[in-house]
Amino acid sequence: MINEYIEKVVVYEATGVRQGKDRKQQVDVYFNFIGDCQDHKADIQKIA
């Protein structure tokens, strides 16, 4: 299900030493448009 929300993932080459705290790697996650996720008061009142 979560695959539907992710358009692509870009993983960059790691920089720094081979292992340890100084090693950094950038990962970009591109999400698809999810839409309006907020509940509207009118919709909630209709359900109740």
PDB file of N, CA and C in Angstrom:
ATOM      1  N   MET A   1       0.815  -1.187   0.000  1.00  0.00           N
ATOM      2  CA  MET A   1       0.000   0.000   0.000  1.00  0.00           C
ATOM      3  C   MET A   1       0.865   1.259   0.000  1.00  0.00           C
ATOM      4  N   ILE A   2       1.939   1.254   0.760  1.00  0.00           N
ATOM      5  CA  ILE A   2       2.780   2.457   0.830  1.00  0.00           C
ATOM      6  C   ILE A   2       3.460   2.723  -0.508  1.00  0.00           C
ATOM      7  N   ASN A   3       3.634   1.698  -1.328  1.00  0.00           N
ATOM      8  CA  ASN A   3       4.255   1.886  -2.644  1.00  0.00           C
ATOM      9  C   ASN A   3       3.452   2.836  -3.518  1.00  0.00           C
ATOM     10  N   GLU A   4       2.153   2.932  -3.297  1.00  0.00           N
ATOM     11  CA  GLU A   4       1.316   3.824  -4.089  1.00  0.00           C
ATOM     12  C   GLU A   4       1.609   5.287  -3.785  1.00  0.00           C
ATOM     13  N   TYR A   5       2.151   5.588  -2.619  1.00  0.00           N
ATOM     14  CA  TYR A   5       2.422   6.966  -2.214  1.00  0.00           C
ATOM     15  C   TYR A   5       3.818   7.435  -2.605  1.00  0.00           C
ATOM     16  N   ILE A   6       4.703   6.514  -2.968  1.00  0.00           N
ATOM     17  CA  ILE A   6       6.082   6.874  -3.294  1.00  0.00           C
ATOM     18  C   ILE A   6       6.292   6.784  -4.795  1.00  0.00           C
ATOM     19  N   GLU A   7       6.718   7.907  -5.381  1.00  0.00           N
ATOM     20  CA  GLU A   7       6.983   7.936  -6.818  1.00  0.00           C
ATOM     21  C   GLU A   7       8.347   7.323  -7.123  1.00  0.00           C
ATOM     22  N   LYS A   8       9.389   7.774  -6.374  1.00  0.00           N
ATOM     23  CA  LYS A   8      10.726   7.225  -6.588  1.00  0.00           C
ATOM     24  C   LYS A   8      11.603   7.517  -5.381  1.00  0.00           C
ATOM     25  N   VAL A   9      12.682   6.742  -5.268  1.00  0.00           N
ATOM     26  CA  VAL A   9      13.677   6.921  -4.216  1.00  0.00           C
ATOM     27  C   VAL A   9      15.031   7.036  -4.902  1.00  0.00           C
ATOM     28  N   VAL A  10      15.771   8.103  -4.587  1.00  0.00           N
ATOM     29  CA  VAL A  10      17.097   8.324  -5.165  1.00  0.00           C
ATOM     30  C   VAL A  10      18.117   8.202  -4.040  1.00  0.00           C
ATOM     31  N   VAL A  11      19.067   7.268  -4.199  1.00  0.00           N
ATOM     32  CA  VAL A  11      20.110   7.040  -3.202  1.00  0.00           C
ATOM     33  C   VAL A  11      21.435   7.483  -3.811  1.00  0.00           C
ATOM     34  N   TYR A  12      22.118   8.400  -3.129  1.00  0.00           N
ATOM     35  CA  TYR A  12      23.387   8.943  -3.606  1.00  0.00           C
ATOM     36  C   TYR A  12      24.554   8.151  -3.021  1.00  0.00           C
ATOM     37  N   GLU A  13      25.698   8.267  -3.680  1.00  0.00           N
ATOM     38  CA  GLU A  13      26.908   7.591  -3.222  1.00  0.00           C
ATOM     39  C   GLU A  13      27.321   8.134  -1.858  1.00  0.00           C
ATOM     40  N   ALA A  14      27.756   7.250  -0.984  1.00  0.00           N
ATOM     41  CA  ALA A  14      28.163   7.641   0.364  1.00  0.00           C
ATOM     42  C   ALA A  14      29.493   8.381   0.326  1.00  0.00           C
ATOM     43  N   THR A  15      29.655   9.313   1.272  1.00  0.00           N
ATOM     44  CA  THR A  15      30.904  10.059   1.403  1.00  0.00           C
ATOM     45  C   THR A  15      31.456   9.841   2.799  1.00  0.00           C
ATOM     46  N   GLY A  16      32.751  10.039   2.954  1.00  0.00           N
ATOM     47  CA  GLY A  16      33.385   9.878   4.255  1.00  0.00           C
ATOM     48  C   GLY A  16      34.115   8.552   4.351  1.00  0.00           C
ATOM     49  N   VAL A  17      34.519   8.232   5.574  1.00  0.00           N
ATOM     50  CA  VAL A  17      35.265   6.993   5.799  1.00  0.00           C
ATOM     51  C   VAL A  17      34.364   5.788   5.556  1.00  0.00           C
ATOM     52  N   ARG A  18      34.984   4.631   5.467  1.00  0.00           N
ATOM     53  CA  ARG A  18      34.251   3.412   5.117  1.00  0.00           C
ATOM     54  C   ARG A  18      33.161   3.067   6.128  1.00  0.00           C
ATOM     55  N   GLN A  19      33.433   3.230   7.401  1.00  0.00           N
ATOM     56  CA  GLN A  19      32.455   2.958   8.453  1.00  0.00           C
ATOM     57  C   GLN A  19      32.577   4.022   9.520  1.00  0.00           C
ATOM     58  N   GLY A  20      31.518   4.216  10.284  1.00  0.00           N
ATOM     59  CA  GLY A  20      31.601   5.134  11.410  1.00  0.00           C
ATOM     60  C   GLY A  20      30.675   6.326  11.301  1.00  0.00           C
ATOM     61  N   LYS A  21      30.835   7.236  12.271  1.00  0.00           N
ATOM     62  CA  LYS A  21      29.967   8.409  12.367  1.00  0.00           C
ATOM     63  C   LYS A  21      30.166   9.393  11.228  1.00  0.00           C
ATOM     64  N   ASP A  22      31.366   9.430  10.661  1.00  0.00           N
ATOM     65  CA  ASP A  22      31.683  10.420   9.631  1.00  0.00           C
ATOM     66  C   ASP A  22      31.140  10.047   8.255  1.00  0.00           C
ATOM     67  N   ARG A  23      30.588   8.871   8.111  1.00  0.00           N
ATOM     68  CA  ARG A  23      30.034   8.432   6.826  1.00  0.00           C
ATOM     69  C   ARG A  23      28.645   9.040   6.645  1.00  0.00           C
ATOM     70  N   LYS A  24      28.413   9.667   5.501  1.00  0.00           N
ATOM     71  CA  LYS A  24      27.135  10.309   5.188  1.00  0.00           C
ATOM     72  C   LYS A  24      26.612   9.765   3.862  1.00  0.00           C
ATOM     73  N   GLN A  25      25.288   9.629   3.774  1.00  0.00           N
ATOM     74  CA  GLN A  25      24.667   9.205   2.530  1.00  0.00           C
ATOM     75  C   GLN A  25      23.317   9.904   2.403  1.00  0.00           C
ATOM     76  N   GLN A  26      23.091  10.513   1.258  1.00  0.00           N
ATOM     77  CA  GLN A  26      21.848  11.240   1.023  1.00  0.00           C
ATOM     78  C   GLN A  26      20.837  10.323   0.350  1.00  0.00           C
ATOM     79  N   VAL A  27      19.594  10.360   0.838  1.00  0.00           N
ATOM     80  CA  VAL A  27      18.494   9.610   0.249  1.00  0.00           C
ATOM     81  C   VAL A  27      17.338  10.577   0.036  1.00  0.00           C
ATOM     82  N   ASP A  28      16.865  10.692  -1.197  1.00  0.00           N
ATOM     83  CA  ASP A  28      15.719  11.543  -1.518  1.00  0.00           C
ATOM     84  C   ASP A  28      14.520  10.654  -1.806  1.00  0.00           C
ATOM     85  N   VAL A  29      13.389  10.941  -1.158  1.00  0.00           N
ATOM     86  CA  VAL A  29      12.153  10.203  -1.385  1.00  0.00           C
ATOM     87  C   VAL A  29      11.155  11.164  -2.010  1.00  0.00           C
ATOM     88  N   TYR A  30      10.654  10.823  -3.180  1.00  0.00           N
ATOM     89  CA  TYR A  30       9.676  11.639  -3.890  1.00  0.00           C
ATOM     90  C   TYR A  30       8.302  10.987  -3.739  1.00  0.00           C
ATOM     91  N   PHE A  31       7.371  11.742  -3.143  1.00  0.00           N
ATOM     92  CA  PHE A  31       6.031  11.228  -2.894  1.00  0.00           C
ATOM     93  C   PHE A  31       5.076  11.661  -3.996  1.00  0.00           C
ATOM     94  N   ASN A  32       4.113  10.802  -4.315  1.00  0.00           N
ATOM     95  CA  ASN A  32       3.013  11.173  -5.204  1.00  0.00           C
ATOM     96  C   ASN A  32       2.084  12.108  -4.457  1.00  0.00           C
ATOM     97  N   PHE A  33       1.272  12.851  -5.177  1.00  0.00           N
ATOM     98  CA  PHE A  33       0.303  13.742  -4.553  1.00  0.00           C
ATOM     99  C   PHE A  33      -0.750  12.898  -3.844  1.00  0.00           C
ATOM    100  N   ILE A  34      -0.903  13.132  -2.554  1.00  0.00           N
ATOM    101  CA  ILE A  34      -1.843  12.353  -1.750  1.00  0.00           C
ATOM    102  C   ILE A  34      -3.221  12.995  -1.748  1.00  0.00           C
ATOM    103  N   GLY A  35      -3.293  14.300  -1.846  1.00  0.00           N
ATOM    104  CA  GLY A  35      -4.581  14.985  -1.816  1.00  0.00           C
ATOM    105  C   GLY A  35      -4.850  15.570  -0.451  1.00  0.00           C
ATOM    106  N   ASP A  36      -6.074  15.977  -0.239  1.00  0.00           N
ATOM    107  CA  ASP A  36      -6.467  16.612   1.014  1.00  0.00           C
ATOM    108  C   ASP A  36      -6.705  15.538   2.066  1.00  0.00           C
ATOM    109  N   CYS A  37      -5.856  15.478   3.065  1.00  0.00           N
ATOM    110  CA  CYS A  37      -5.952  14.444   4.099  1.00  0.00           C
ATOM    111  C   CYS A  37      -6.668  14.926   5.347  1.00  0.00           C
ATOM    112  N   GLN A  38      -7.055  16.176   5.382  1.00  0.00           N
ATOM    113  CA  GLN A  38      -7.687  16.714   6.582  1.00  0.00           C
ATOM    114  C   GLN A  38      -9.172  16.376   6.584  1.00  0.00           C
ATOM    115  N   ASP A  39      -9.687  16.029   7.775  1.00  0.00           N
ATOM    116  CA  ASP A  39     -11.113  15.772   7.928  1.00  0.00           C
ATOM    117  C   ASP A  39     -11.852  17.095   8.016  1.00  0.00           C
ATOM    118  N   HIS A  40     -12.962  17.185   7.351  1.00  0.00           N
ATOM    119  CA  HIS A  40     -13.782  18.389   7.401  1.00  0.00           C
ATOM    120  C   HIS A  40     -14.855  18.216   8.465  1.00  0.00           C
ATOM    121  N   LYS A  41     -15.166  19.277   9.190  1.00  0.00           N
ATOM    122  CA  LYS A  41     -16.154  19.202  10.269  1.00  0.00           C
ATOM    123  C   LYS A  41     -17.505  18.710   9.758  1.00  0.00           C
ATOM    124  N   ALA A  42     -17.930  19.168   8.599  1.00  0.00           N
ATOM    125  CA  ALA A  42     -19.232  18.776   8.058  1.00  0.00           C
ATOM    126  C   ALA A  42     -19.278  17.272   7.798  1.00  0.00           C
ATOM    127  N   ASP A  43     -18.188  16.708   7.268  1.00  0.00           N
ATOM    128  CA  ASP A  43     -18.144  15.276   7.002  1.00  0.00           C
ATOM    129  C   ASP A  43     -18.191  14.473   8.294  1.00  0.00           C
ATOM    130  N   ILE A  44     -17.514  14.948   9.314  1.00  0.00           N
ATOM    131  CA  ILE A  44     -17.496  14.252  10.598  1.00  0.00           C
ATOM    132  C   ILE A  44     -18.882  14.285  11.233  1.00  0.00           C
ATOM    133  N   GLN A  45     -19.570  15.415  11.126  1.00  0.00           N
ATOM    134  CA  GLN A  45     -20.898  15.538  11.720  1.00  0.00           C
ATOM    135  C   GLN A  45     -21.903  14.646  11.002  1.00  0.00           C
ATOM    136  N   LYS A  46     -21.767  14.442   9.700  1.00  0.00           N
ATOM    137  CA  LYS A  46     -22.672  13.569   8.954  1.00  0.00           C
ATOM    138  C   LYS A  46     -22.531  12.123   9.410  1.00  0.00           C
ATOM    139  N   ILE A  47     -21.307  11.720   9.718  1.00  0.00           N
ATOM    140  CA  ILE A  47     -21.055  10.346  10.148  1.00  0.00           C
ATOM    141  C   ILE A  47     -21.636  10.097  11.533  1.00  0.00           C
ATOM    142  N   ALA A  48     -21.529  11.087  12.421  1.00  0.00           N
ATOM    143  CA  ALA A  48     -21.970  10.917  13.813  1.00  0.00           C
ATOM    144  C   ALA A  48     -23.453  10.816  13.968  1.00  0.00           C
TER     145      ALA A  48
END
